[in-house]
Amino acid sequence: MLNATITFLDQKKAKYPEARVIVLDDSFNTFQHVANCIMTIIPGMSKKKAWNLTIKVDNSGSAEVWRGNLEQAELYHEQLVNKGLTMAPIEKA
């Protein structure tokens, strides 16, 4: 399955920790499913960008689909799980 992980970024000026949502390649989810999940869950995601990220996941093994505060990252992570994607545990950088 495609996996996603959240990685914390060290931000000295940020009030809240910043995190990244990363989708990893798998052999279970289809391109269409992955692109639809990214487009549906990540705010402001266009169809073209979702497909480009899905292709990047397939070609390079992973793609950052969102970056921002930890609370939102956790929400997107949970929503991706609910769409059937297999998620990596949240990791601190």
PDB file of N, CA and C in Angstrom:
ATOM      1  N   MET A   1       0.837  -1.185   0.000  1.00  0.00           N
ATOM      2  CA  MET A   1       0.000   0.000   0.000  1.00  0.00           C
ATOM      3  C   MET A   1       0.879   1.244   0.000  1.00  0.00           C
ATOM      4  N   LEU A   2       0.332   2.340  -0.449  1.00  0.00           N
ATOM      5  CA  LEU A   2       1.046   3.605  -0.328  1.00  0.00           C
ATOM      6  C   LEU A   2       1.075   3.959   1.144  1.00  0.00           C
ATOM      7  N   ASN A   3       2.190   4.416   1.583  1.00  0.00           N
ATOM      8  CA  ASN A   3       2.349   4.803   2.974  1.00  0.00           C
ATOM      9  C   ASN A   3       2.559   6.296   3.036  1.00  0.00           C
ATOM     10  N   ALA A   4       2.252   6.884   4.154  1.00  0.00           N
ATOM     11  CA  ALA A   4       2.554   8.288   4.368  1.00  0.00           C
ATOM     12  C   ALA A   4       3.166   8.407   5.748  1.00  0.00           C
ATOM     13  N   THR A   5       4.075   9.315   5.869  1.00  0.00           N
ATOM     14  CA  THR A   5       4.708   9.547   7.167  1.00  0.00           C
ATOM     15  C   THR A   5       4.712  11.035   7.441  1.00  0.00           C
ATOM     16  N   ILE A   6       4.712  11.372   8.687  1.00  0.00           N
ATOM     17  CA  ILE A   6       4.804  12.771   9.090  1.00  0.00           C
ATOM     18  C   ILE A   6       6.161  12.948   9.747  1.00  0.00           C
ATOM     19  N   THR A   7       6.930  13.897   9.268  1.00  0.00           N
ATOM     20  CA  THR A   7       8.250  14.179   9.807  1.00  0.00           C
ATOM     21  C   THR A   7       8.249  15.587  10.366  1.00  0.00           C
ATOM     22  N   PHE A   8       8.709  15.753  11.591  1.00  0.00           N
ATOM     23  CA  PHE A   8       8.763  17.060  12.215  1.00  0.00           C
ATOM     24  C   PHE A   8       9.976  17.825  11.702  1.00  0.00           C
ATOM     25  N   LEU A   9       9.814  19.112  11.478  1.00  0.00           N
ATOM     26  CA  LEU A   9      10.905  19.964  11.039  1.00  0.00           C
ATOM     27  C   LEU A   9      11.257  20.924  12.165  1.00  0.00           C
ATOM     28  N   ASP A  10      12.528  21.147  12.383  1.00  0.00           N
ATOM     29  CA  ASP A  10      12.972  22.027  13.449  1.00  0.00           C
ATOM     30  C   ASP A  10      12.752  23.477  13.023  1.00  0.00           C
ATOM     31  N   GLN A  11      11.851  24.144  13.689  1.00  0.00           N
ATOM     32  CA  GLN A  11      11.539  25.536  13.383  1.00  0.00           C
ATOM     33  C   GLN A  11      11.654  26.344  14.682  1.00  0.00           C
ATOM     34  N   LYS A  12      12.726  27.114  14.839  1.00  0.00           N
ATOM     35  CA  LYS A  12      12.937  27.880  16.067  1.00  0.00           C
ATOM     36  C   LYS A  12      11.959  29.033  16.205  1.00  0.00           C
ATOM     37  N   LYS A  13      11.525  29.629  15.090  1.00  0.00           N
ATOM     38  CA  LYS A  13      10.618  30.753  15.135  1.00  0.00           C
ATOM     39  C   LYS A  13       9.155  30.338  15.179  1.00  0.00           C
ATOM     40  N   ALA A  14       8.851  29.101  14.829  1.00  0.00           N
ATOM     41  CA  ALA A  14       7.472  28.643  14.762  1.00  0.00           C
ATOM     42  C   ALA A  14       6.908  28.419  16.155  1.00  0.00           C
ATOM     43  N   LYS A  15       5.672  28.852  16.362  1.00  0.00           N
ATOM     44  CA  LYS A  15       4.996  28.639  17.632  1.00  0.00           C
ATOM     45  C   LYS A  15       4.644  27.166  17.815  1.00  0.00           C
ATOM     46  N   TYR A  16       4.264  26.527  16.724  1.00  0.00           N
ATOM     47  CA  TYR A  16       3.905  25.113  16.743  1.00  0.00           C
ATOM     48  C   TYR A  16       4.860  24.348  15.845  1.00  0.00           C
ATOM     49  N   PRO A  17       5.126  23.070  16.161  1.00  0.00           N
ATOM     50  CA  PRO A  17       6.027  22.292  15.304  1.00  0.00           C
ATOM     51  C   PRO A  17       5.465  22.171  13.891  1.00  0.00           C
ATOM     52  N   GLU A  18       6.353  22.200  12.924  1.00  0.00           N
ATOM     53  CA  GLU A  18       5.957  21.993  11.535  1.00  0.00           C
ATOM     54  C   GLU A  18       6.189  20.536  11.190  1.00  0.00           C
ATOM     55  N   ALA A  19       5.356  20.016  10.294  1.00  0.00           N
ATOM     56  CA  ALA A  19       5.459  18.614   9.907  1.00  0.00           C
ATOM     57  C   ALA A  19       5.206  18.478   8.415  1.00  0.00           C
ATOM     58  N   ARG A  20       5.662  17.360   7.881  1.00  0.00           N
ATOM     59  CA  ARG A  20       5.449  17.044   6.461  1.00  0.00           C
ATOM     60  C   ARG A  20       4.653  15.752   6.362  1.00  0.00           C
ATOM     61  N   VAL A  21       3.737  15.697   5.403  1.00  0.00           N
ATOM     62  CA  VAL A  21       3.011  14.464   5.107  1.00  0.00           C
ATOM     63  C   VAL A  21       3.623  13.902   3.830  1.00  0.00           C
ATOM     64  N   ILE A  22       4.128  12.678   3.937  1.00  0.00           N
ATOM     65  CA  ILE A  22       4.837  12.041   2.829  1.00  0.00           C
ATOM     66  C   ILE A  22       4.139  10.738   2.466  1.00  0.00           C
ATOM     67  N   VAL A  23       3.839  10.582   1.191  1.00  0.00           N
ATOM     68  CA  VAL A  23       3.232   9.350   0.684  1.00  0.00           C
ATOM     69  C   VAL A  23       4.340   8.492   0.087  1.00  0.00           C
ATOM     70  N   LEU A  24       4.320   7.205   0.424  1.00  0.00           N
ATOM     71  CA  LEU A  24       5.312   6.257  -0.075  1.00  0.00           C
ATOM     72  C   LEU A  24       4.678   5.282  -1.071  1.00  0.00           C
ATOM     73  N   ASP A  25       5.477   4.782  -1.974  1.00  0.00           N
ATOM     74  CA  ASP A  25       5.019   3.850  -3.002  1.00  0.00           C
ATOM     75  C   ASP A  25       4.636   2.509  -2.394  1.00  0.00           C
ATOM     76  N   ASP A  26       3.677   1.846  -3.020  1.00  0.00           N
ATOM     77  CA  ASP A  26       3.318   0.477  -2.666  1.00  0.00           C
ATOM     78  C   ASP A  26       2.838  -0.250  -3.917  1.00  0.00           C
ATOM     79  N   SER A  27       2.464  -1.484  -3.756  1.00  0.00           N
ATOM     80  CA  SER A  27       2.006  -2.265  -4.908  1.00  0.00           C
ATOM     81  C   SER A  27       0.511  -2.577  -4.830  1.00  0.00           C
ATOM     82  N   PHE A  28      -0.215  -1.892  -3.944  1.00  0.00           N
ATOM     83  CA  PHE A  28      -1.625  -2.208  -3.735  1.00  0.00           C
ATOM     84  C   PHE A  28      -2.581  -1.139  -4.267  1.00  0.00           C
ATOM     85  N   ASN A  29      -2.294   0.113  -3.983  1.00  0.00           N
ATOM     86  CA  ASN A  29      -3.188   1.191  -4.391  1.00  0.00           C
ATOM     87  C   ASN A  29      -2.939   1.597  -5.843  1.00  0.00           C
ATOM     88  N   THR A  30      -4.021   1.898  -6.534  1.00  0.00           N
ATOM     89  CA  THR A  30      -3.907   2.334  -7.926  1.00  0.00           C
ATOM     90  C   THR A  30      -3.534   3.810  -7.986  1.00  0.00           C
ATOM     91  N   PHE A  31      -3.018   4.220  -9.133  1.00  0.00           N
ATOM     92  CA  PHE A  31      -2.712   5.636  -9.345  1.00  0.00           C
ATOM     93  C   PHE A  31      -3.959   6.479  -9.092  1.00  0.00           C
ATOM     94  N   GLN A  32      -5.095   6.035  -9.644  1.00  0.00           N
ATOM     95  CA  GLN A  32      -6.346   6.790  -9.512  1.00  0.00           C
ATOM     96  C   GLN A  32      -6.718   6.971  -8.047  1.00  0.00           C
ATOM     97  N   HIS A  33      -6.617   5.909  -7.253  1.00  0.00           N
ATOM     98  CA  HIS A  33      -6.973   5.988  -5.831  1.00  0.00           C
ATOM     99  C   HIS A  33      -6.050   6.956  -5.090  1.00  0.00           C
ATOM    100  N   VAL A  34      -4.758   6.845  -5.335  1.00  0.00           N
ATOM    101  CA  VAL A  34      -3.791   7.716  -4.653  1.00  0.00           C
ATOM    102  C   VAL A  34      -4.041   9.177  -5.028  1.00  0.00           C
ATOM    103  N   ALA A  35      -4.182   9.447  -6.315  1.00  0.00           N
ATOM    104  CA  ALA A  35      -4.429  10.822  -6.763  1.00  0.00           C
ATOM    105  C   ALA A  35      -5.726  11.361  -6.178  1.00  0.00           C
ATOM    106  N   ASN A  36      -6.775  10.543  -6.161  1.00  0.00           N
ATOM    107  CA  ASN A  36      -8.050  10.984  -5.588  1.00  0.00           C
ATOM    108  C   ASN A  36      -7.932  11.272  -4.094  1.00  0.00           C
ATOM    109  N   CYS A  37      -7.208  10.431  -3.367  1.00  0.00           N
ATOM    110  CA  CYS A  37      -7.007  10.656  -1.927  1.00  0.00           C
ATOM    111  C   CYS A  37      -6.272  11.973  -1.689  1.00  0.00           C
ATOM    112  N   ILE A  38      -5.195  12.191  -2.413  1.00  0.00           N
ATOM    113  CA  ILE A  38      -4.412  13.417  -2.256  1.00  0.00           C
ATOM    114  C   ILE A  38      -5.276  14.630  -2.590  1.00  0.00           C
ATOM    115  N   MET A  39      -6.014  14.556  -3.686  1.00  0.00           N
ATOM    116  CA  MET A  39      -6.827  15.680  -4.133  1.00  0.00           C
ATOM    117  C   MET A  39      -7.981  15.959  -3.163  1.00  0.00           C
ATOM    118  N   THR A  40      -8.564  14.919  -2.604  1.00  0.00           N
ATOM    119  CA  THR A  40      -9.703  15.059  -1.708  1.00  0.00           C
ATOM    120  C   THR A  40      -9.298  15.574  -0.325  1.00  0.00           C
ATOM    121  N   ILE A  41      -8.167  15.113   0.173  1.00  0.00           N
ATOM    122  CA  ILE A  41      -7.782  15.390   1.559  1.00  0.00           C
ATOM    123  C   ILE A  41      -6.929  16.643   1.712  1.00  0.00           C
ATOM    124  N   ILE A  42      -6.018  16.876   0.808  1.00  0.00           N
ATOM    125  CA  ILE A  42      -5.089  18.002   0.951  1.00  0.00           C
ATOM    126  C   ILE A  42      -5.740  19.275   0.395  1.00  0.00           C
ATOM    127  N   PRO A  43      -5.898  20.302   1.230  1.00  0.00           N
ATOM    128  CA  PRO A  43      -6.572  21.532   0.792  1.00  0.00           C
ATOM    129  C   PRO A  43      -5.835  22.221  -0.359  1.00  0.00           C
ATOM    130  N   GLY A  44      -6.610  22.719  -1.301  1.00  0.00           N
ATOM    131  CA  GLY A  44      -6.037  23.471  -2.415  1.00  0.00           C
ATOM    132  C   GLY A  44      -5.309  22.638  -3.448  1.00  0.00           C
ATOM    133  N   MET A  45      -5.431  21.328  -3.356  1.00  0.00           N
ATOM    134  CA  MET A  45      -4.719  20.438  -4.274  1.00  0.00           C
ATOM    135  C   MET A  45      -5.474  20.353  -5.597  1.00  0.00           C
ATOM    136  N   SER A  46      -4.795  20.689  -6.667  1.00  0.00           N
ATOM    137  CA  SER A  46      -5.399  20.576  -7.996  1.00  0.00           C
ATOM    138  C   SER A  46      -5.273  19.138  -8.491  1.00  0.00           C
ATOM    139  N   LYS A  47      -6.090  18.812  -9.474  1.00  0.00           N
ATOM    140  CA  LYS A  47      -6.034  17.479 -10.076  1.00  0.00           C
ATOM    141  C   LYS A  47      -4.660  17.242 -10.701  1.00  0.00           C
ATOM    142  N   LYS A  48      -4.138  18.244 -11.405  1.00  0.00           N
ATOM    143  CA  LYS A  48      -2.835  18.112 -12.071  1.00  0.00           C
ATOM    144  C   LYS A  48      -1.714  17.882 -11.058  1.00  0.00           C
ATOM    145  N   LYS A  49      -1.714  18.660  -9.965  1.00  0.00           N
ATOM    146  CA  LYS A  49      -0.664  18.507  -8.956  1.00  0.00           C
ATOM    147  C   LYS A  49      -0.778  17.153  -8.256  1.00  0.00           C
ATOM    148  N   ALA A  50      -2.007  16.716  -7.975  1.00  0.00           N
ATOM    149  CA  ALA A  50      -2.211  15.405  -7.341  1.00  0.00           C
ATOM    150  C   ALA A  50      -1.656  14.288  -8.227  1.00  0.00           C
ATOM    151  N   TRP A  51      -1.906  14.373  -9.531  1.00  0.00           N
ATOM    152  CA  TRP A  51      -1.371  13.366 -10.449  1.00  0.00           C
ATOM    153  C   TRP A  51       0.154  13.447 -10.530  1.00  0.00           C
ATOM    154  N   ASN A  52       0.704  14.661 -10.570  1.00  0.00           N
ATOM    155  CA  ASN A  52       2.167  14.809 -10.590  1.00  0.00           C
ATOM    156  C   ASN A  52       2.803  14.207  -9.339  1.00  0.00           C
ATOM    157  N   LEU A  53       2.184  14.423  -8.177  1.00  0.00           N
ATOM    158  CA  LEU A  53       2.706  13.840  -6.936  1.00  0.00           C
ATOM    159  C   LEU A  53       2.592  12.315  -6.956  1.00  0.00           C
ATOM    160  N   THR A  54       1.500  11.813  -7.493  1.00  0.00           N
ATOM    161  CA  THR A  54       1.312  10.363  -7.590  1.00  0.00           C
ATOM    162  C   THR A  54       2.372   9.740  -8.486  1.00  0.00           C
ATOM    163  N   ILE A  55       2.685  10.394  -9.592  1.00  0.00           N
ATOM    164  CA  ILE A  55       3.739   9.916 -10.495  1.00  0.00           C
ATOM    165  C   ILE A  55       5.091   9.962  -9.789  1.00  0.00           C
ATOM    166  N   LYS A  56       5.326  11.026  -9.008  1.00  0.00           N
ATOM    167  CA  LYS A  56       6.584  11.134  -8.253  1.00  0.00           C
ATOM    168  C   LYS A  56       6.701   9.996  -7.245  1.00  0.00           C
ATOM    169  N   VAL A  57       5.605   9.680  -6.561  1.00  0.00           N
ATOM    170  CA  VAL A  57       5.609   8.556  -5.613  1.00  0.00           C
ATOM    171  C   VAL A  57       6.020   7.278  -6.337  1.00  0.00           C
ATOM    172  N   ASP A  58       5.446   7.038  -7.500  1.00  0.00           N
ATOM    173  CA  ASP A  58       5.752   5.825  -8.257  1.00  0.00           C
ATOM    174  C   ASP A  58       7.198   5.805  -8.741  1.00  0.00           C
ATOM    175  N   ASN A  59       7.681   6.938  -9.238  1.00  0.00           N
ATOM    176  CA  ASN A  59       9.034   6.991  -9.816  1.00  0.00           C
ATOM    177  C   ASN A  59      10.145   7.022  -8.776  1.00  0.00           C
ATOM    178  N   SER A  60       9.945   7.775  -7.691  1.00  0.00           N
ATOM    179  CA  SER A  60      11.030   7.941  -6.723  1.00  0.00           C
ATOM    180  C   SER A  60      10.781   7.263  -5.381  1.00  0.00           C
ATOM    181  N   GLY A  61       9.593   6.693  -5.198  1.00  0.00           N
ATOM    182  CA  GLY A  61       9.310   5.977  -3.957  1.00  0.00           C
ATOM    183  C   GLY A  61       8.608   6.795  -2.905  1.00  0.00           C
ATOM    184  N   SER A  62       8.596   8.131  -3.051  1.00  0.00           N
ATOM    185  CA  SER A  62       7.908   8.972  -2.069  1.00  0.00           C
ATOM    186  C   SER A  62       7.689  10.368  -2.627  1.00  0.00           C
ATOM    187  N   ALA A  63       6.756  11.073  -1.986  1.00  0.00           N
ATOM    188  CA  ALA A  63       6.521  12.471  -2.336  1.00  0.00           C
ATOM    189  C   ALA A  63       5.897  13.184  -1.138  1.00  0.00           C
ATOM    190  N   GLU A  64       6.382  14.381  -0.888  1.00  0.00           N
ATOM    191  CA  GLU A  64       5.773  15.216   0.144  1.00  0.00           C
ATOM    192  C   GLU A  64       4.498  15.809  -0.449  1.00  0.00           C
ATOM    193  N   VAL A  65       3.361  15.532   0.193  1.00  0.00           N
ATOM    194  CA  VAL A  65       2.091  16.021  -0.323  1.00  0.00           C
ATOM    195  C   VAL A  65       1.560  17.221   0.453  1.00  0.00           C
ATOM    196  N   TRP A  66       2.136  17.467   1.647  1.00  0.00           N
ATOM    197  CA  TRP A  66       1.704  18.614   2.435  1.00  0.00           C
ATOM    198  C   TRP A  66       2.753  18.930   3.491  1.00  0.00           C
ATOM    199  N   ARG A  67       2.880  20.227   3.816  1.00  0.00           N
ATOM    200  CA  ARG A  67       3.780  20.686   4.875  1.00  0.00           C
ATOM    201  C   ARG A  67       3.083  21.797   5.645  1.00  0.00           C
ATOM    202  N   GLY A  68       3.136  21.710   6.959  1.00  0.00           N
ATOM    203  CA  GLY A  68       2.506  22.738   7.787  1.00  0.00           C
ATOM    204  C   GLY A  68       2.497  22.324   9.246  1.00  0.00           C
ATOM    205  N   ASN A  69       1.578  22.915  10.001  1.00  0.00           N
ATOM    206  CA  ASN A  69       1.599  22.654  11.445  1.00  0.00           C
ATOM    207  C   ASN A  69       1.211  21.212  11.765  1.00  0.00           C
ATOM    208  N   LEU A  70       1.711  20.754  12.896  1.00  0.00           N
ATOM    209  CA  LEU A  70       1.561  19.356  13.305  1.00  0.00           C
ATOM    210  C   LEU A  70       0.105  18.936  13.428  1.00  0.00           C
ATOM    211  N   GLU A  71      -0.722  19.778  14.002  1.00  0.00           N
ATOM    212  CA  GLU A  71      -2.122  19.405  14.217  1.00  0.00           C
ATOM    213  C   GLU A  71      -2.824  19.096  12.890  1.00  0.00           C
ATOM    214  N   GLN A  72      -2.620  19.931  11.893  1.00  0.00           N
ATOM    215  CA  GLN A  72      -3.214  19.675  10.577  1.00  0.00           C
ATOM    216  C   GLN A  72      -2.600  18.434   9.943  1.00  0.00           C
ATOM    217  N   ALA A  73      -1.294  18.259  10.081  1.00  0.00           N
ATOM    218  CA  ALA A  73      -0.629  17.082   9.523  1.00  0.00           C
ATOM    219  C   ALA A  73      -1.226  15.808  10.107  1.00  0.00           C
ATOM    220  N   GLU A  74      -1.486  15.816  11.413  1.00  0.00           N
ATOM    221  CA  GLU A  74      -2.093  14.643  12.047  1.00  0.00           C
ATOM    222  C   GLU A  74      -3.491  14.375  11.483  1.00  0.00           C
ATOM    223  N   LEU A  75      -4.243  15.445  11.230  1.00  0.00           N
ATOM    224  CA  LEU A  75      -5.572  15.289  10.658  1.00  0.00           C
ATOM    225  C   LEU A  75      -5.490  14.673   9.264  1.00  0.00           C
ATOM    226  N   TYR A  76      -4.598  15.195   8.408  1.00  0.00           N
ATOM    227  CA  TYR A  76      -4.468  14.666   7.055  1.00  0.00           C
ATOM    228  C   TYR A  76      -3.985  13.222   7.082  1.00  0.00           C
ATOM    229  N   HIS A  77      -3.076  12.918   8.002  1.00  0.00           N
ATOM    230  CA  HIS A  77      -2.573  11.554   8.179  1.00  0.00           C
ATOM    231  C   HIS A  77      -3.741  10.614   8.498  1.00  0.00           C
ATOM    232  N   GLU A  78      -4.569  10.997   9.452  1.00  0.00           N
ATOM    233  CA  GLU A  78      -5.716  10.175   9.846  1.00  0.00           C
ATOM    234  C   GLU A  78      -6.697  10.001   8.680  1.00  0.00           C
ATOM    235  N   GLN A  79      -6.931  11.064   7.933  1.00  0.00           N
ATOM    236  CA  GLN A  79      -7.844  10.988   6.808  1.00  0.00           C
ATOM    237  C   GLN A  79      -7.303  10.066   5.707  1.00  0.00           C
ATOM    238  N   LEU A  80      -5.995  10.086   5.488  1.00  0.00           N
ATOM    239  CA  LEU A  80      -5.399   9.173   4.512  1.00  0.00           C
ATOM    240  C   LEU A  80      -5.558   7.723   4.959  1.00  0.00           C
ATOM    241  N   VAL A  81      -5.403   7.470   6.248  1.00  0.00           N
ATOM    242  CA  VAL A  81      -5.635   6.125   6.793  1.00  0.00           C
ATOM    243  C   VAL A  81      -7.077   5.710   6.522  1.00  0.00           C
ATOM    244  N   ASN A  82      -8.009   6.621   6.765  1.00  0.00           N
ATOM    245  CA  ASN A  82      -9.424   6.310   6.566  1.00  0.00           C
ATOM    246  C   ASN A  82      -9.779   6.055   5.103  1.00  0.00           C
ATOM    247  N   LYS A  83      -8.959   6.524   4.183  1.00  0.00           N
ATOM    248  CA  LYS A  83      -9.160   6.259   2.754  1.00  0.00           C
ATOM    249  C   LYS A  83      -8.528   4.935   2.326  1.00  0.00           C
ATOM    250  N   GLY A  84      -7.873   4.242   3.267  1.00  0.00           N
ATOM    251  CA  GLY A  84      -7.317   2.935   2.959  1.00  0.00           C
ATOM    252  C   GLY A  84      -5.828   2.912   2.688  1.00  0.00           C
ATOM    253  N   LEU A  85      -5.161   4.070   2.778  1.00  0.00           N
ATOM    254  CA  LEU A  85      -3.710   4.076   2.591  1.00  0.00           C
ATOM    255  C   LEU A  85      -3.039   3.574   3.866  1.00  0.00           C
ATOM    256  N   THR A  86      -1.971   2.835   3.712  1.00  0.00           N
ATOM    257  CA  THR A  86      -1.196   2.372   4.858  1.00  0.00           C
ATOM    258  C   THR A  86      -0.220   3.476   5.233  1.00  0.00           C
ATOM    259  N   MET A  87      -0.219   3.869   6.508  1.00  0.00           N
ATOM    260  CA  MET A  87       0.556   5.005   6.950  1.00  0.00           C
ATOM    261  C   MET A  87       1.709   4.571   7.848  1.00  0.00           C
ATOM    262  N   ALA A  88       2.836   5.222   7.678  1.00  0.00           N
ATOM    263  CA  ALA A  88       3.961   5.011   8.601  1.00  0.00           C
ATOM    264  C   ALA A  88       3.661   5.765   9.894  1.00  0.00           C
ATOM    265  N   PRO A  89       4.235   5.348  10.998  1.00  0.00           N
ATOM    266  CA  PRO A  89       4.054   6.095  12.251  1.00  0.00           C
ATOM    267  C   PRO A  89       4.605   7.506  12.133  1.00  0.00           C
ATOM    268  N   ILE A  90       4.082   8.400  12.930  1.00  0.00           N
ATOM    269  CA  ILE A  90       4.574   9.778  12.969  1.00  0.00           C
ATOM    270  C   ILE A  90       5.976   9.751  13.576  1.00  0.00           C
ATOM    271  N   GLU A  91       6.921  10.433  12.898  1.00  0.00           N
ATOM    272  CA  GLU A  91       8.317  10.439  13.347  1.00  0.00           C
ATOM    273  C   GLU A  91       8.797  11.862  13.551  1.00  0.00           C
ATOM    274  N   LYS A  92       9.565  12.076  14.613  1.00  0.00           N
ATOM    275  CA  LYS A  92      10.230  13.374  14.800  1.00  0.00           C
ATOM    276  C   LYS A  92      11.536  13.390  14.018  1.00  0.00           C
ATOM    277  N   ALA A  93      11.806  14.537  13.392  1.00  0.00           N
ATOM    278  CA  ALA A  93      13.044  14.654  12.607  1.00  0.00           C
ATOM    279  C   ALA A  93      14.231  14.925  13.505  1.00  0.00           C
TER     280      ALA A  93
END
